[in-house]
């Protein structure tokens, strides 16, 4: 059948597995540090980037809605959400949004500080070649960089009988007055490459 096909390079363009949430990531080298992993998740991670538009023609007589010459992109709302099944004091403070930590205590605040905003990365396996460099391959990855993220979902815990506690999260990327033209997310897609024999 002519149209019952898939691209021949399908396996080279598939994102695999749940990925991992990180405090930092180097997309130039694909380097992942174990100390940058925020925690174990369950059910994967959901990322959405939703644009908002202004239609300057909507109140003009005889102008159809969504006239492309009169439409302007106003901004983006970028969010990353999911569920952690592990927690530390550091992560609890991050989930609280505005909080201070002292050893094993998290104290919420009523005001935001610049230090409450931090970049967040989600990185997942991508393509048929996703082994690490020690096995003779350059790993493929799909990564999302959420800039100036802040927990906007609050701190949540759902415990259960004979079950792991779950910590639902939602982080939102933010624009900055230092660079108001910078959209608060980036996407990286790197196909893995086989090492030369």
Protein backbone atom coordinates (compact mmCIF):
# COMPACT_ATOMS: atom_id res chain seq x y z
CA UNK A 1 0.00 0.00 0.00
CA UNK A 2 1.44 3.32 -1.10
CA UNK A 3 0.65 5.38 2.00
CA UNK A 4 0.97 2.69 4.69
CA UNK A 5 4.59 3.39 5.44
CA UNK A 6 6.89 4.89 8.03
CA UNK A 7 10.09 6.83 7.34
CA UNK A 8 13.14 4.62 6.95
CA UNK A 9 15.02 6.64 9.59
CA UNK A 10 12.22 6.33 12.19
CA UNK A 11 14.37 4.70 14.87
CA UNK A 12 16.93 7.48 14.48
CA UNK A 13 14.23 10.06 15.30
CA UNK A 14 12.46 8.51 18.29
CA UNK A 15 12.73 9.84 21.84
CA UNK A 16 12.99 6.87 24.22
CA UNK A 17 12.24 6.33 27.90
CA UNK A 18 11.22 8.83 30.60
CA UNK A 19 14.33 10.97 30.68
CA UNK A 20 15.72 12.74 33.72
CA UNK A 21 15.35 16.17 35.36
CA UNK A 22 18.62 18.01 35.94
CA UNK A 23 19.95 21.18 37.57
CA UNK A 24 22.54 21.46 34.82
CA UNK A 25 23.47 19.91 31.49
CA UNK A 26 26.13 20.55 28.81
CA UNK A 27 24.46 20.06 25.41
CA UNK A 28 27.73 20.70 23.58
CA UNK A 29 29.21 17.50 25.00
CA UNK A 30 26.07 15.67 26.17
CA UNK A 31 27.65 15.44 29.63
CA UNK A 32 25.36 14.40 32.45
CA UNK A 33 26.54 14.60 36.07
CA UNK A 34 24.90 12.31 38.62
CA UNK A 35 24.97 15.17 41.16
CA UNK A 36 22.75 17.26 38.86
CA UNK A 37 19.82 14.78 38.96
CA UNK A 38 16.99 16.36 40.96
CA UNK A 39 15.27 13.10 41.91
CA UNK A 40 13.50 9.99 40.68
CA UNK A 41 10.23 10.59 38.81
CA UNK A 42 7.21 8.43 38.05
CA UNK A 43 5.05 8.63 34.94
CA UNK A 44 7.51 10.69 32.93
CA UNK A 45 7.69 14.46 32.55
CA UNK A 46 5.28 16.73 30.68
CA UNK A 47 6.54 19.89 28.95
CA UNK A 48 4.28 22.44 27.28
CA UNK A 49 5.16 25.72 25.59
CA UNK A 50 2.06 27.74 24.77
CA UNK A 51 2.24 30.97 22.79
CA UNK A 52 -0.11 33.88 23.44
CA UNK A 53 -1.11 36.17 20.59
CA UNK A 54 -2.56 39.64 20.09
CA UNK A 55 -4.93 40.10 17.16
CA UNK A 56 -4.88 43.81 16.31
CA UNK A 57 -7.53 43.29 13.67
CA UNK A 58 -10.21 41.81 15.89
CA UNK A 59 -12.00 45.15 16.42
CA UNK A 60 -11.53 46.51 12.89
CA UNK A 61 -14.64 46.57 10.73
CA UNK A 62 -14.63 44.13 7.82
CA UNK A 63 -11.37 42.52 8.99
CA UNK A 64 -11.49 38.74 9.24
CA UNK A 65 -10.28 37.17 12.45
CA UNK A 66 -6.64 36.00 12.38
CA UNK A 67 -5.40 38.30 9.64
CA UNK A 68 -1.71 37.31 9.59
CA UNK A 69 -0.42 40.86 8.97
CA UNK A 70 -2.20 42.09 12.12
CA UNK A 71 -1.26 39.26 14.44
CA UNK A 72 1.55 39.54 16.96
CA UNK A 73 3.17 36.97 19.22
CA UNK A 74 2.93 38.40 22.73
CA UNK A 75 4.92 35.79 24.65
CA UNK A 76 5.30 32.17 25.70
CA UNK A 77 4.22 30.24 28.78
CA UNK A 78 6.58 27.28 29.23
CA UNK A 79 5.83 24.68 31.91
CA UNK A 80 7.37 21.40 33.03
CA UNK A 81 5.36 19.08 35.25
CA UNK A 82 5.34 15.56 36.60
CA UNK A 83 5.75 13.61 39.82
CA UNK A 84 8.80 12.98 41.97
CA UNK A 85 8.93 9.82 44.09
CA UNK A 86 12.05 10.89 46.00
CA UNK A 87 12.65 14.06 47.95
CA UNK A 88 15.50 15.81 49.76
CA UNK A 89 15.51 19.08 51.71
CA UNK A 90 17.08 20.76 48.68
CA UNK A 91 14.35 19.47 46.37
CA UNK A 92 11.58 20.30 48.87
CA UNK A 93 12.83 23.90 48.95
CA UNK A 94 12.87 23.99 45.14
CA UNK A 95 9.32 22.62 45.01
CA UNK A 96 8.17 25.18 47.60
CA UNK A 97 9.42 27.95 45.31
CA UNK A 98 10.30 30.62 47.84
CA UNK A 99 12.07 28.92 50.73
CA UNK A 100 15.30 28.70 52.68
CA UNK A 101 17.02 25.52 53.85
CA UNK A 102 19.11 24.92 56.96
CA UNK A 103 20.46 21.36 57.18
CA UNK A 104 17.23 19.35 57.37
CA UNK A 105 14.66 22.17 57.66
CA UNK A 106 12.83 24.00 54.85
CA UNK A 107 11.35 27.39 55.78
CA UNK A 108 8.96 28.97 53.25
CA UNK A 109 9.17 32.72 52.59
CA UNK A 110 6.58 35.31 51.58
CA UNK A 111 8.90 37.04 49.13
CA UNK A 112 10.78 35.90 46.05
CA UNK A 113 14.55 36.19 45.70
CA UNK A 114 16.58 36.08 42.50
CA UNK A 115 18.11 32.82 43.76
CA UNK A 116 14.66 31.15 43.67
CA UNK A 117 14.81 31.21 39.87
CA UNK A 118 17.09 28.58 38.36
CA UNK A 119 17.47 26.84 35.01
CA UNK A 120 16.04 23.34 34.73
CA UNK A 121 16.79 20.63 32.16
CA UNK A 122 14.90 17.58 31.00
CA UNK A 123 17.07 15.20 28.98
CA UNK A 124 15.97 11.94 27.36
CA UNK A 125 17.49 9.25 25.16
CA UNK A 126 17.13 9.89 21.45
CA UNK A 127 17.81 7.82 18.32
CA UNK A 128 19.10 4.32 17.73
CA UNK A 129 22.51 5.29 19.10
CA UNK A 130 22.16 6.18 22.76
CA UNK A 131 24.97 4.35 24.52
CA UNK A 132 27.60 6.30 26.37
CA UNK A 133 31.03 7.10 24.98
CA UNK A 134 32.69 4.24 26.84
CA UNK A 135 31.04 1.79 24.46
CA UNK A 136 32.28 3.50 21.32
CA UNK A 137 29.27 5.66 20.50
CA UNK A 138 28.22 9.29 20.90
CA UNK A 139 24.83 9.23 22.61
CA UNK A 140 21.82 10.87 21.04
CA UNK A 141 19.63 13.01 23.25
CA UNK A 142 16.56 15.21 23.26
CA UNK A 143 16.78 18.04 25.80
CA UNK A 144 14.59 20.89 26.97
CA UNK A 145 16.18 23.82 28.76
CA UNK A 146 13.68 25.74 30.91
CA UNK A 147 15.19 29.14 31.70
CA UNK A 148 14.63 30.98 35.01
CA UNK A 149 12.31 28.24 36.26
CA UNK A 150 10.29 28.64 39.42
CA UNK A 151 7.98 26.14 41.09
CA UNK A 152 4.49 27.51 40.45
CA UNK A 153 2.62 24.35 41.51
CA UNK A 154 3.56 24.63 45.17
CA UNK A 155 4.69 21.83 47.46
CA UNK A 156 2.49 18.74 47.31
CA UNK A 157 2.76 15.29 48.88
CA UNK A 158 0.41 12.36 48.34
CA UNK A 159 1.21 9.38 50.54
CA UNK A 160 -0.54 6.02 50.38
CA UNK A 161 -0.88 2.75 52.25
CA UNK A 162 1.80 0.31 51.04
CA UNK A 163 2.81 2.85 48.38
CA UNK A 164 5.52 5.41 47.65
CA UNK A 165 4.74 9.04 48.43
CA UNK A 166 4.32 11.20 45.34
CA UNK A 167 5.41 14.82 45.01
CA UNK A 168 3.62 16.49 42.09
CA UNK A 169 5.47 19.42 40.57
CA UNK A 170 5.02 22.22 38.07
CA UNK A 171 7.84 24.56 37.06
CA UNK A 172 7.30 27.63 34.90
CA UNK A 173 10.01 29.35 32.84
CA UNK A 174 10.30 33.13 33.17
CA UNK A 175 11.48 36.00 31.01
CA UNK A 176 14.14 38.31 32.44
CA UNK A 177 14.42 42.11 32.31
CA UNK A 178 18.12 41.63 31.51
CA UNK A 179 17.22 39.90 28.22
CA UNK A 180 13.48 40.44 27.58
CA UNK A 181 13.85 39.15 24.01
CA UNK A 182 14.95 35.68 25.20
CA UNK A 183 12.12 33.14 25.21
CA UNK A 184 12.36 31.07 28.42
CA UNK A 185 12.93 27.68 26.83
CA UNK A 186 15.22 25.98 24.32
CA UNK A 187 15.02 22.60 22.59
CA UNK A 188 18.01 20.45 21.66
CA UNK A 189 17.78 17.35 19.44
CA UNK A 190 21.02 15.50 18.76
CA UNK A 191 21.06 12.24 16.84
CA UNK A 192 23.55 9.68 18.10
CA UNK A 193 26.52 8.81 15.96
CA UNK A 194 28.43 5.54 15.69
CA UNK A 195 32.10 5.72 16.49
CA UNK A 196 34.57 5.15 13.67
CA UNK A 197 35.81 1.56 13.48
